[in-house]
Amino acid sequence: MKQVKLIDGRVCIDHIHMYIAIPPKISVSEFMSYLKGKSALM
């Protein structure tokens, strides 16, 4: 998703924190589904 911008992030041992900007045309749930799908491939 090229429209989403990562503003800040922190990596911990077992999780991450991200501060992101999502444009209004993308819902938070739509982006989270996309992100979970991509992270499952890692």
C-alpha atoms as a PDB file:
ATOM      1  CA  MET A   1       0.000   0.000   0.000  1.00  0.00           C
ATOM      2  CA  LYS A   2       1.963   2.925  -1.321  1.00  0.00           C
ATOM      3  CA  GLN A   3      -0.322   5.566   0.194  1.00  0.00           C
ATOM      4  CA  VAL A   4       0.424   4.538   3.812  1.00  0.00           C
ATOM      5  CA  LYS A   5       3.378   6.331   5.420  1.00  0.00           C
ATOM      6  CA  LEU A   6       5.405   5.029   8.333  1.00  0.00           C
ATOM      7  CA  ILE A   7       6.079   8.037  10.549  1.00  0.00           C
ATOM      8  CA  ASP A   8       7.848   6.303  13.450  1.00  0.00           C
ATOM      9  CA  GLY A   9       8.419   2.789  14.703  1.00  0.00           C
ATOM     10  CA  ARG A  10      10.020   0.802  17.501  1.00  0.00           C
ATOM     11  CA  VAL A  11      11.024  -2.853  17.435  1.00  0.00           C
ATOM     12  CA  CYS A  12      10.851  -4.960  20.596  1.00  0.00           C
ATOM     13  CA  ILE A  13      11.754  -8.612  21.087  1.00  0.00           C
ATOM     14  CA  ASP A  14       8.257  -9.966  20.493  1.00  0.00           C
ATOM     15  CA  HIS A  15       6.297  -7.063  18.975  1.00  0.00           C
ATOM     16  CA  ILE A  16       6.551  -3.711  17.215  1.00  0.00           C
ATOM     17  CA  HIS A  17       5.031  -0.264  17.649  1.00  0.00           C
ATOM     18  CA  MET A  18       4.207   1.781  14.552  1.00  0.00           C
ATOM     19  CA  TYR A  19       2.932   5.324  14.116  1.00  0.00           C
ATOM     20  CA  ILE A  20       1.474   5.416  10.614  1.00  0.00           C
ATOM     21  CA  ALA A  21      -0.530   7.776   8.426  1.00  0.00           C
ATOM     22  CA  ILE A  22      -3.368   6.101   6.539  1.00  0.00           C
ATOM     23  CA  PRO A  23      -5.273   8.116   3.916  1.00  0.00           C
ATOM     24  CA  PRO A  24      -9.047   8.488   4.481  1.00  0.00           C
ATOM     25  CA  LYS A  25      -9.908   6.234   1.535  1.00  0.00           C
ATOM     26  CA  ILE A  26      -8.313   3.227   3.308  1.00  0.00           C
ATOM     27  CA  SER A  27     -10.027   1.965   6.456  1.00  0.00           C
ATOM     28  CA  VAL A  28      -7.972   0.981   9.484  1.00  0.00           C
ATOM     29  CA  SER A  29      -9.356  -2.559   9.352  1.00  0.00           C
ATOM     30  CA  GLU A  30      -8.456  -2.871   5.648  1.00  0.00           C
ATOM     31  CA  PHE A  31      -4.880  -1.809   6.360  1.00  0.00           C
ATOM     32  CA  MET A  32      -4.567  -4.105   9.393  1.00  0.00           C
ATOM     33  CA  SER A  33      -5.771  -7.071   7.312  1.00  0.00           C
ATOM     34  CA  TYR A  34      -3.155  -6.233   4.688  1.00  0.00           C
ATOM     35  CA  LEU A  35      -0.413  -5.865   7.316  1.00  0.00           C
ATOM     36  CA  LYS A  36      -1.324  -9.123   9.095  1.00  0.00           C
ATOM     37  CA  GLY A  37      -1.311 -10.949   5.767  1.00  0.00           C
ATOM     38  CA  LYS A  38       2.144  -9.635   4.900  1.00  0.00           C
ATOM     39  CA  SER A  39       3.587 -10.348   8.357  1.00  0.00           C
ATOM     40  CA  ALA A  40       2.317 -13.947   8.214  1.00  0.00           C
ATOM     41  CA  LEU A  41       4.629 -14.526   5.249  1.00  0.00           C
ATOM     42  CA  MET A  42       7.720 -13.682   7.312  1.00  0.00           C
END
